Amino acid sequence: MIRKLKKDDHELVFSLIGHKPAENLFIIGDIEAYGYDSNFQEIWGQFQDDKLIAVLLRYDQNYIPFSEQHYDVKGFSEIINRNPERVELSGLKHLIEPLQGLINRDVRKHSETYYAKCAGLSYEIDEERIKRANYLQPSEYHENVEMLRAIPEFANGNFSVEARERAENFKTGRTCIVRNEQGTMVASASTTAENSQSAMVVGVGTRPGFERRGYATLCMEKLCSDLLAEGKSLCLFYENPAAGKIYKRLGFTDIGLWTMIRFEADNRVSV
C-alpha cells in the first residue's frame, strides 16, 4: 500500500531514513525545512505489513525515492506520471534504474556522478595547522565568488554573493577558506544542504596558480573535522576518479553512483 505521509508519520519516516543520513541528505533536509504540509513538497510511503519500507519525496518538480529493499516501482511511477510538467528524478542508481523506464516522457538530460560519504577522517588532524583555515565572513563573499569563477572547472558553476548570504541566513551551508602569507585567498571548500544529521561538501577549489600546495586539503580538513565533531555525516559528488582519490585519502568511501534524469513535460493529449 502506498499513501501520502503526514506529520504523524515522522517517527516512522526517520526510522527508515535516519540511520543513513548521507544517502538521504536531501530527503532529511527537505523534511526538516518544509515538513509534510507544504504545497511544493509531498512525501509518499509504501507500507508492507504496516511497516514503512520505501518513501518518495517530491520537492517542486524533483522526485527522490529511497528504500533498502525492492519497492513498488510501478506505484511510484504512477505518482510521478500524474505530474504533467517537466520533472527530475534523482537518487542512488540502483533505486532509479528500475523506475526510469516507467516514466512516460522523453529524457532531456541523464547524468551520473560518483557519490561518497565520510563518517570519520582517516588520519589525525594537526590542530595547529588547520588554524590557518577560517570561515568565510560576509565582507569576503564577493572575493570568494570571484576566485571560484576563475577556476576553469567551475566556469559554469552557480556561485553568487546572494547564495552565500542565503546559506548563512538559513544555516544550510558554510565555507572554509585559506589565505597565503601574502593575504591572497587561495582555496575554499563549502557545504550545502546541511541538516541536523548530514551535509554535502561542494565547491572544493584552488585559485589558478596556487595548486598542489595543500591549500584545498587544509580547507577540507578544517571543514570536515568541524562537521564530524558536530555529529554530522558528510557526503559529496565527484566526476573525476583522480579527485576521488584525494577525498578517499581523507576518509570518504564510495556509496555508489547518483543518477539524475530530467524528463520533458508530458505532451500526450487525452482522448
C-alpha atoms as a PDB file:
ATOM      1  CA  MET A   1       0.000   0.000   0.000  1.00  0.00           C
ATOM      2  CA  ILE A   2       1.206   3.493  -0.891  1.00  0.00           C
ATOM      3  CA  ARG A   3      -0.221   6.579   0.788  1.00  0.00           C
ATOM      4  CA  LYS A   4       0.750  10.185   1.335  1.00  0.00           C
ATOM      5  CA  LEU A   5       2.639  10.711   4.569  1.00  0.00           C
ATOM      6  CA  LYS A   6       1.887  13.353   7.185  1.00  0.00           C
ATOM      7  CA  LYS A   7       3.412  14.810  10.324  1.00  0.00           C
ATOM      8  CA  ASP A   8       2.116  11.915  12.437  1.00  0.00           C
ATOM      9  CA  ASP A   9       4.289   9.568  10.336  1.00  0.00           C
ATOM     10  CA  HIS A  10       7.518  11.433  11.114  1.00  0.00           C
ATOM     11  CA  GLU A  11       8.870   8.839  13.520  1.00  0.00           C
ATOM     12  CA  LEU A  12       8.236   6.048  11.015  1.00  0.00           C
ATOM     13  CA  VAL A  13       9.934   8.026   8.249  1.00  0.00           C
ATOM     14  CA  PHE A  14      13.083   8.664  10.269  1.00  0.00           C
ATOM     15  CA  SER A  15      13.240   5.066  11.439  1.00  0.00           C
ATOM     16  CA  LEU A  16      13.689   4.237   7.739  1.00  0.00           C
ATOM     17  CA  ILE A  17      15.944   7.058   6.536  1.00  0.00           C
ATOM     18  CA  GLY A  18      17.613   8.368   9.699  1.00  0.00           C
ATOM     19  CA  HIS A  19      20.289   5.680  10.048  1.00  0.00           C
ATOM     20  CA  LYS A  20      21.598   6.504   6.548  1.00  0.00           C
ATOM     21  CA  PRO A  21      21.957  10.292   6.749  1.00  0.00           C
ATOM     22  CA  ALA A  22      24.410  10.637   3.854  1.00  0.00           C
ATOM     23  CA  GLU A  23      22.297   8.573   1.468  1.00  0.00           C
ATOM     24  CA  ASN A  24      19.212  10.563   2.493  1.00  0.00           C
ATOM     25  CA  LEU A  25      20.772  14.012   2.753  1.00  0.00           C
ATOM     26  CA  PHE A  26      18.210  15.720   0.530  1.00  0.00           C
ATOM     27  CA  ILE A  27      15.160  13.935   1.927  1.00  0.00           C
ATOM     28  CA  ILE A  28      16.154  14.667   5.538  1.00  0.00           C
ATOM     29  CA  GLY A  29      16.993  18.296   4.783  1.00  0.00           C
ATOM     30  CA  ASP A  30      13.757  18.954   2.908  1.00  0.00           C
ATOM     31  CA  ILE A  31      11.587  17.348   5.589  1.00  0.00           C
ATOM     32  CA  GLU A  32      13.315  19.303   8.349  1.00  0.00           C
ATOM     33  CA  ALA A  33      12.977  22.551   6.418  1.00  0.00           C
ATOM     34  CA  TYR A  34       9.484  22.210   4.919  1.00  0.00           C
ATOM     35  CA  GLY A  35       7.698  19.390   6.725  1.00  0.00           C
ATOM     36  CA  TYR A  36       4.796  17.377   5.338  1.00  0.00           C
ATOM     37  CA  ASP A  37       2.183  20.052   4.588  1.00  0.00           C
ATOM     38  CA  SER A  38       3.872  22.370   2.074  1.00  0.00           C
ATOM     39  CA  ASN A  39       2.170  22.938  -1.272  1.00  0.00           C
ATOM     40  CA  PHE A  40       5.515  22.435  -3.067  1.00  0.00           C
ATOM     41  CA  GLN A  41       6.551  19.308  -1.157  1.00  0.00           C
ATOM     42  CA  GLU A  42       4.904  15.919  -0.710  1.00  0.00           C
ATOM     43  CA  ILE A  43       6.091  12.585   0.684  1.00  0.00           C
ATOM     44  CA  TRP A  44       4.569   9.205  -0.066  1.00  0.00           C
ATOM     45  CA  GLY A  45       5.299   5.977   1.753  1.00  0.00           C
ATOM     46  CA  GLN A  46       4.957   2.311   0.831  1.00  0.00           C
ATOM     47  CA  PHE A  47       3.834   0.050   3.661  1.00  0.00           C
ATOM     48  CA  GLN A  48       4.242  -3.701   3.922  1.00  0.00           C
ATOM     49  CA  ASP A  49       2.511  -5.381   6.861  1.00  0.00           C
ATOM     50  CA  ASP A  50       2.150  -1.937   8.495  1.00  0.00           C
ATOM     51  CA  LYS A  51       5.903  -1.337   8.184  1.00  0.00           C
ATOM     52  CA  LEU A  52       7.199   1.614   6.150  1.00  0.00           C
ATOM     53  CA  ILE A  53       9.658   0.186   3.600  1.00  0.00           C
ATOM     54  CA  ALA A  54      10.027   2.972   0.990  1.00  0.00           C
ATOM     55  CA  VAL A  55       9.490   6.704   0.541  1.00  0.00           C
ATOM     56  CA  LEU A  56       9.154   9.038  -2.434  1.00  0.00           C
ATOM     57  CA  LEU A  57       9.726  12.748  -1.883  1.00  0.00           C
ATOM     58  CA  ARG A  58       8.587  15.492  -4.255  1.00  0.00           C
ATOM     59  CA  TYR A  59      10.193  18.904  -3.870  1.00  0.00           C
ATOM     60  CA  ASP A  60       8.681  21.172  -6.530  1.00  0.00           C
ATOM     61  CA  GLN A  61       9.190  19.073  -9.708  1.00  0.00           C
ATOM     62  CA  ASN A  62      12.010  16.928  -8.275  1.00  0.00           C
ATOM     63  CA  TYR A  63      11.416  13.354  -7.072  1.00  0.00           C
ATOM     64  CA  ILE A  64      13.724  11.235  -4.879  1.00  0.00           C
ATOM     65  CA  PRO A  65      12.942   7.632  -3.860  1.00  0.00           C
ATOM     66  CA  PHE A  66      14.566   5.647  -1.081  1.00  0.00           C
ATOM     67  CA  SER A  67      14.267   2.063   0.079  1.00  0.00           C
ATOM     68  CA  GLU A  68      16.555  -0.635   1.392  1.00  0.00           C
ATOM     69  CA  GLN A  69      14.693  -3.388  -0.448  1.00  0.00           C
ATOM     70  CA  HIS A  70      12.588  -3.967  -3.551  1.00  0.00           C
ATOM     71  CA  TYR A  71       9.874  -1.342  -3.648  1.00  0.00           C
ATOM     72  CA  ASP A  72       6.677  -0.712  -5.610  1.00  0.00           C
ATOM     73  CA  VAL A  73       8.296   0.745  -8.710  1.00  0.00           C
ATOM     74  CA  LYS A  74       5.028   0.778 -10.646  1.00  0.00           C
ATOM     75  CA  GLY A  75       3.210   2.560  -7.835  1.00  0.00           C
ATOM     76  CA  PHE A  76       5.875   5.269  -7.532  1.00  0.00           C
ATOM     77  CA  SER A  77       5.993   5.721 -11.314  1.00  0.00           C
ATOM     78  CA  GLU A  78       2.225   6.294 -11.383  1.00  0.00           C
ATOM     79  CA  ILE A  79       2.608   9.110  -8.838  1.00  0.00           C
ATOM     80  CA  ILE A  80       5.324  10.780 -10.924  1.00  0.00           C
ATOM     81  CA  ASN A  81       3.419  10.322 -14.175  1.00  0.00           C
ATOM     82  CA  ARG A  82       0.449  12.220 -12.739  1.00  0.00           C
ATOM     83  CA  ASN A  83       2.618  15.349 -12.867  1.00  0.00           C
ATOM     84  CA  PRO A  84       2.354  16.739 -16.447  1.00  0.00           C
ATOM     85  CA  GLU A  85       5.245  19.216 -16.015  1.00  0.00           C
ATOM     86  CA  ARG A  86       8.935  18.699 -16.674  1.00  0.00           C
ATOM     87  CA  VAL A  87      10.191  16.562 -13.808  1.00  0.00           C
ATOM     88  CA  GLU A  88      13.527  15.469 -12.426  1.00  0.00           C
ATOM     89  CA  LEU A  89      14.190  12.053 -10.931  1.00  0.00           C
ATOM     90  CA  SER A  90      17.293  11.607  -8.794  1.00  0.00           C
ATOM     91  CA  GLY A  91      18.744   9.138  -6.338  1.00  0.00           C
ATOM     92  CA  LEU A  92      21.082   6.207  -5.968  1.00  0.00           C
ATOM     93  CA  LYS A  93      21.457   4.421  -9.290  1.00  0.00           C
ATOM     94  CA  HIS A  94      20.134   1.060  -8.111  1.00  0.00           C
ATOM     95  CA  LEU A  95      16.913   2.765  -6.978  1.00  0.00           C
ATOM     96  CA  ILE A  96      16.468   4.886 -10.114  1.00  0.00           C
ATOM     97  CA  GLU A  97      17.197   2.256 -12.783  1.00  0.00           C
ATOM     98  CA  PRO A  98      14.015   0.184 -12.331  1.00  0.00           C
ATOM     99  CA  LEU A  99      11.901   3.361 -12.124  1.00  0.00           C
ATOM    100  CA  GLN A 100      13.183   5.421 -15.042  1.00  0.00           C
ATOM    101  CA  GLY A 101      11.764   3.199 -17.782  1.00  0.00           C
ATOM    102  CA  LEU A 102       8.243   3.658 -16.432  1.00  0.00           C
ATOM    103  CA  ILE A 103       8.247   7.461 -16.695  1.00  0.00           C
ATOM    104  CA  ASN A 104       6.165   8.154 -19.793  1.00  0.00           C
ATOM    105  CA  ARG A 105       8.033  11.003 -21.451  1.00  0.00           C
ATOM    106  CA  ASP A 106      11.244  11.896 -23.265  1.00  0.00           C
ATOM    107  CA  VAL A 107      14.538  12.390 -21.433  1.00  0.00           C
ATOM    108  CA  ARG A 108      16.105  15.860 -21.561  1.00  0.00           C
ATOM    109  CA  LYS A 109      19.284  15.017 -19.663  1.00  0.00           C
ATOM    110  CA  HIS A 110      20.693  11.927 -17.980  1.00  0.00           C
ATOM    111  CA  SER A 111      23.795  12.202 -15.800  1.00  0.00           C
ATOM    112  CA  GLU A 112      25.617  10.081 -13.256  1.00  0.00           C
ATOM    113  CA  THR A 113      28.257  11.033 -10.714  1.00  0.00           C
ATOM    114  CA  TYR A 114      30.149   9.165  -8.039  1.00  0.00           C
ATOM    115  CA  TYR A 115      28.637   9.588  -4.570  1.00  0.00           C
ATOM    116  CA  ALA A 116      30.846   9.246  -1.489  1.00  0.00           C
ATOM    117  CA  LYS A 117      30.370   9.621   2.250  1.00  0.00           C
ATOM    118  CA  CYS A 118      32.557  10.119   5.303  1.00  0.00           C
ATOM    119  CA  ALA A 119      31.794   9.199   8.905  1.00  0.00           C
ATOM    120  CA  GLY A 120      35.312   9.855  10.158  1.00  0.00           C
ATOM    121  CA  LEU A 121      38.650  11.161   8.881  1.00  0.00           C
ATOM    122  CA  SER A 122      41.292   8.549   8.135  1.00  0.00           C
ATOM    123  CA  TYR A 123      44.119  10.355   9.958  1.00  0.00           C
ATOM    124  CA  GLU A 124      44.618  12.652  12.921  1.00  0.00           C
ATOM    125  CA  ILE A 125      44.310  16.309  12.066  1.00  0.00           C
ATOM    126  CA  ASP A 126      47.095  18.732  13.034  1.00  0.00           C
ATOM    127  CA  GLU A 127      45.101  21.210  15.118  1.00  0.00           C
ATOM    128  CA  GLU A 128      47.775  23.899  14.852  1.00  0.00           C
ATOM    129  CA  ARG A 129      47.971  23.566  11.081  1.00  0.00           C
ATOM    130  CA  ILE A 130      44.236  23.924  10.472  1.00  0.00           C
ATOM    131  CA  LYS A 131      44.216  27.207  12.356  1.00  0.00           C
ATOM    132  CA  ARG A 132      45.364  28.656   9.024  1.00  0.00           C
ATOM    133  CA  ALA A 133      41.870  27.913   7.689  1.00  0.00           C
ATOM    134  CA  ASN A 134      38.980  30.198   8.638  1.00  0.00           C
ATOM    135  CA  TYR A 135      35.290  30.527   7.908  1.00  0.00           C
ATOM    136  CA  LEU A 136      34.228  32.957   5.226  1.00  0.00           C
ATOM    137  CA  GLN A 137      32.919  36.302   6.502  1.00  0.00           C
ATOM    138  CA  PRO A 138      30.286  38.476   4.765  1.00  0.00           C
ATOM    139  CA  SER A 139      32.930  41.027   3.781  1.00  0.00           C
ATOM    140  CA  GLU A 140      34.711  38.217   1.859  1.00  0.00           C
ATOM    141  CA  TYR A 141      31.734  36.840  -0.116  1.00  0.00           C
ATOM    142  CA  HIS A 142      32.497  38.755  -3.310  1.00  0.00           C
ATOM    143  CA  GLU A 143      36.190  37.845  -3.226  1.00  0.00           C
ATOM    144  CA  ASN A 144      35.326  34.169  -2.771  1.00  0.00           C
ATOM    145  CA  VAL A 145      32.829  34.157  -5.640  1.00  0.00           C
ATOM    146  CA  GLU A 146      35.339  35.819  -7.965  1.00  0.00           C
ATOM    147  CA  MET A 147      38.027  33.280  -7.014  1.00  0.00           C
ATOM    148  CA  LEU A 148      35.729  30.322  -7.706  1.00  0.00           C
ATOM    149  CA  ARG A 149      34.612  31.738 -11.053  1.00  0.00           C
ATOM    150  CA  ALA A 150      38.274  31.958 -12.079  1.00  0.00           C
ATOM    151  CA  ILE A 151      38.739  28.201 -11.641  1.00  0.00           C
ATOM    152  CA  PRO A 152      38.250  26.533 -15.070  1.00  0.00           C
ATOM    153  CA  GLU A 153      36.246  23.523 -13.834  1.00  0.00           C
ATOM    154  CA  PHE A 154      33.858  25.903 -12.050  1.00  0.00           C
ATOM    155  CA  ALA A 155      33.354  28.188 -15.045  1.00  0.00           C
ATOM    156  CA  ASN A 156      29.682  27.238 -15.290  1.00  0.00           C
ATOM    157  CA  GLY A 157      29.136  26.995 -11.553  1.00  0.00           C
ATOM    158  CA  ASN A 158      26.259  28.727  -9.828  1.00  0.00           C
ATOM    159  CA  PHE A 159      28.240  30.890  -7.388  1.00  0.00           C
ATOM    160  CA  SER A 160      26.861  34.173  -6.116  1.00  0.00           C
ATOM    161  CA  VAL A 161      27.018  36.529  -3.155  1.00  0.00           C
ATOM    162  CA  GLU A 162      23.274  36.004  -2.721  1.00  0.00           C
ATOM    163  CA  ALA A 163      23.756  32.253  -2.377  1.00  0.00           C
ATOM    164  CA  ARG A 164      26.423  32.812   0.270  1.00  0.00           C
ATOM    165  CA  GLU A 165      24.091  35.137   2.170  1.00  0.00           C
ATOM    166  CA  ARG A 166      21.201  32.672   1.935  1.00  0.00           C
ATOM    167  CA  ALA A 167      23.316  29.787   3.240  1.00  0.00           C
ATOM    168  CA  GLU A 168      24.381  31.886   6.206  1.00  0.00           C
ATOM    169  CA  ASN A 169      20.879  33.170   6.988  1.00  0.00           C
ATOM    170  CA  PHE A 170      19.229  29.739   6.841  1.00  0.00           C
ATOM    171  CA  LYS A 171      22.234  27.831   8.226  1.00  0.00           C
ATOM    172  CA  THR A 172      22.187  25.445   5.266  1.00  0.00           C
ATOM    173  CA  GLY A 173      25.870  25.805   4.429  1.00  0.00           C
ATOM    174  CA  ARG A 174      29.244  27.226   5.388  1.00  0.00           C
ATOM    175  CA  THR A 175      32.516  27.998   3.573  1.00  0.00           C
ATOM    176  CA  CYS A 176      36.055  27.499   4.788  1.00  0.00           C
ATOM    177  CA  ILE A 177      38.888  29.496   3.189  1.00  0.00           C
ATOM    178  CA  VAL A 178      42.681  29.665   3.297  1.00  0.00           C
ATOM    179  CA  ARG A 179      44.847  32.695   2.590  1.00  0.00           C
ATOM    180  CA  ASN A 180      48.551  32.510   1.831  1.00  0.00           C
ATOM    181  CA  GLU A 181      51.279  34.513   3.545  1.00  0.00           C
ATOM    182  CA  GLN A 182      50.586  37.484   1.273  1.00  0.00           C
ATOM    183  CA  GLY A 183      46.895  37.530   2.247  1.00  0.00           C
ATOM    184  CA  THR A 184      45.560  36.204  -1.060  1.00  0.00           C
ATOM    185  CA  MET A 185      42.534  33.913  -0.805  1.00  0.00           C
ATOM    186  CA  VAL A 186      43.908  30.758  -2.414  1.00  0.00           C
ATOM    187  CA  ALA A 187      41.363  27.989  -1.705  1.00  0.00           C
ATOM    188  CA  SER A 188      37.942  27.266  -0.319  1.00  0.00           C
ATOM    189  CA  ALA A 189      35.545  24.409   0.394  1.00  0.00           C
ATOM    190  CA  SER A 190      31.851  24.693   1.229  1.00  0.00           C
ATOM    191  CA  THR A 191      28.878  22.713   2.407  1.00  0.00           C
ATOM    192  CA  THR A 192      25.309  22.835   1.200  1.00  0.00           C
ATOM    193  CA  ALA A 193      22.045  21.148   2.153  1.00  0.00           C
ATOM    194  CA  GLU A 194      23.158  21.000   5.780  1.00  0.00           C
ATOM    195  CA  ASN A 195      20.645  19.420   8.141  1.00  0.00           C
ATOM    196  CA  SER A 196      20.723  18.037  11.673  1.00  0.00           C
ATOM    197  CA  GLN A 197      22.383  14.803  10.580  1.00  0.00           C
ATOM    198  CA  SER A 198      24.391  15.402   7.422  1.00  0.00           C
ATOM    199  CA  ALA A 199      25.911  17.883   4.981  1.00  0.00           C
ATOM    200  CA  MET A 200      27.170  17.858   1.402  1.00  0.00           C
ATOM    201  CA  VAL A 201      30.654  19.145   0.578  1.00  0.00           C
ATOM    202  CA  VAL A 202      30.790  21.280  -2.579  1.00  0.00           C
ATOM    203  CA  GLY A 203      32.938  23.868  -4.298  1.00  0.00           C
ATOM    204  CA  VAL A 204      36.337  22.496  -3.289  1.00  0.00           C
ATOM    205  CA  GLY A 205      38.773  24.537  -5.339  1.00  0.00           C
ATOM    206  CA  THR A 206      42.118  26.324  -5.528  1.00  0.00           C
ATOM    207  CA  ARG A 207      42.882  29.633  -7.199  1.00  0.00           C
ATOM    208  CA  PRO A 208      44.725  29.057 -10.508  1.00  0.00           C
ATOM    209  CA  GLY A 209      48.479  29.267  -9.984  1.00  0.00           C
ATOM    210  CA  PHE A 210      48.320  28.036  -6.399  1.00  0.00           C
ATOM    211  CA  GLU A 211      47.526  24.368  -6.970  1.00  0.00           C
ATOM    212  CA  ARG A 212      49.322  21.395  -5.392  1.00  0.00           C
ATOM    213  CA  ARG A 213      50.353  23.246  -2.249  1.00  0.00           C
ATOM    214  CA  GLY A 214      47.848  21.600   0.095  1.00  0.00           C
ATOM    215  CA  TYR A 215      45.562  24.616   0.397  1.00  0.00           C
ATOM    216  CA  ALA A 216      42.333  22.836  -0.614  1.00  0.00           C
ATOM    217  CA  THR A 217      43.208  19.857   1.592  1.00  0.00           C
ATOM    218  CA  LEU A 218      43.625  22.257   4.507  1.00  0.00           C
ATOM    219  CA  CYS A 219      40.128  23.649   3.862  1.00  0.00           C
ATOM    220  CA  MET A 220      38.706  20.135   3.750  1.00  0.00           C
ATOM    221  CA  GLU A 221      40.467  19.099   6.970  1.00  0.00           C
ATOM    222  CA  LYS A 222      39.030  22.077   8.839  1.00  0.00           C
ATOM    223  CA  LEU A 223      35.551  21.797   7.368  1.00  0.00           C
ATOM    224  CA  CYS A 224      35.212  18.030   7.738  1.00  0.00           C
ATOM    225  CA  SER A 225      36.686  17.814  11.238  1.00  0.00           C
ATOM    226  CA  ASP A 226      34.289  20.504  12.492  1.00  0.00           C
ATOM    227  CA  LEU A 227      31.209  18.902  10.934  1.00  0.00           C
ATOM    228  CA  LEU A 228      32.119  15.425  12.139  1.00  0.00           C
ATOM    229  CA  ALA A 229      32.619  16.840  15.633  1.00  0.00           C
ATOM    230  CA  GLU A 230      29.026  18.094  15.411  1.00  0.00           C
ATOM    231  CA  GLY A 231      27.905  14.519  14.747  1.00  0.00           C
ATOM    232  CA  LYS A 232      27.107  15.030  11.073  1.00  0.00           C
ATOM    233  CA  SER A 233      27.820  12.585   8.255  1.00  0.00           C
ATOM    234  CA  LEU A 234      29.433  14.090   5.162  1.00  0.00           C
ATOM    235  CA  CYS A 235      28.859  13.317   1.520  1.00  0.00           C
ATOM    236  CA  LEU A 236      29.933  14.655  -1.852  1.00  0.00           C
ATOM    237  CA  PHE A 237      29.621  14.130  -5.580  1.00  0.00           C
ATOM    238  CA  TYR A 238      32.655  13.771  -7.824  1.00  0.00           C
ATOM    239  CA  GLU A 239      33.079  13.009 -11.513  1.00  0.00           C
ATOM    240  CA  ASN A 240      36.853  12.672 -11.820  1.00  0.00           C
ATOM    241  CA  PRO A 241      38.333   9.463 -10.310  1.00  0.00           C
ATOM    242  CA  ALA A 242      41.574  11.404  -9.679  1.00  0.00           C
ATOM    243  CA  ALA A 243      39.646  13.817  -7.456  1.00  0.00           C
ATOM    244  CA  GLY A 244      38.042  10.810  -5.810  1.00  0.00           C
ATOM    245  CA  LYS A 245      41.458   9.575  -4.679  1.00  0.00           C
ATOM    246  CA  ILE A 246      42.043  12.851  -2.837  1.00  0.00           C
ATOM    247  CA  TYR A 247      38.737  12.545  -0.990  1.00  0.00           C
ATOM    248  CA  LYS A 248      39.354   8.894  -0.176  1.00  0.00           C
ATOM    249  CA  ARG A 249      42.661   9.778   1.472  1.00  0.00           C
ATOM    250  CA  LEU A 250      40.637  11.962   3.830  1.00  0.00           C
ATOM    251  CA  GLY A 251      38.306   9.112   4.712  1.00  0.00           C
ATOM    252  CA  PHE A 252      35.498   9.259   2.134  1.00  0.00           C
ATOM    253  CA  THR A 253      34.202   5.956   0.772  1.00  0.00           C
ATOM    254  CA  ASP A 254      32.015   5.394  -2.270  1.00  0.00           C
ATOM    255  CA  ILE A 255      28.305   4.812  -1.689  1.00  0.00           C
ATOM    256  CA  GLY A 256      27.629   4.217  -5.358  1.00  0.00           C
ATOM    257  CA  LEU A 257      26.512   6.265  -8.347  1.00  0.00           C
ATOM    258  CA  TRP A 258      23.986   9.082  -8.063  1.00  0.00           C
ATOM    259  CA  THR A 259      21.673   9.343 -11.061  1.00  0.00           C
ATOM    260  CA  MET A 260      19.843  12.476 -12.195  1.00  0.00           C
ATOM    261  CA  ILE A 261      17.339  12.328 -15.052  1.00  0.00           C
ATOM    262  CA  ARG A 262      15.422  15.328 -16.355  1.00  0.00           C
ATOM    263  CA  PHE A 263      12.291  14.494 -18.293  1.00  0.00           C
ATOM    264  CA  GLU A 264      10.321  16.604 -20.740  1.00  0.00           C
ATOM    265  CA  ALA A 265       6.748  17.619 -19.961  1.00  0.00           C
ATOM    266  CA  ASP A 266       4.033  15.108 -20.748  1.00  0.00           C
ATOM    267  CA  ASN A 267       2.583  16.379 -24.019  1.00  0.00           C
ATOM    268  CA  ARG A 268       0.239  13.488 -24.652  1.00  0.00           C
ATOM    269  CA  VAL A 269      -3.284  14.542 -25.477  1.00  0.00           C
ATOM    270  CA  SER A 270      -6.013  12.744 -23.584  1.00  0.00           C
ATOM    271  CA  VAL A 271      -8.708  11.216 -25.808  1.00  0.00           C
END
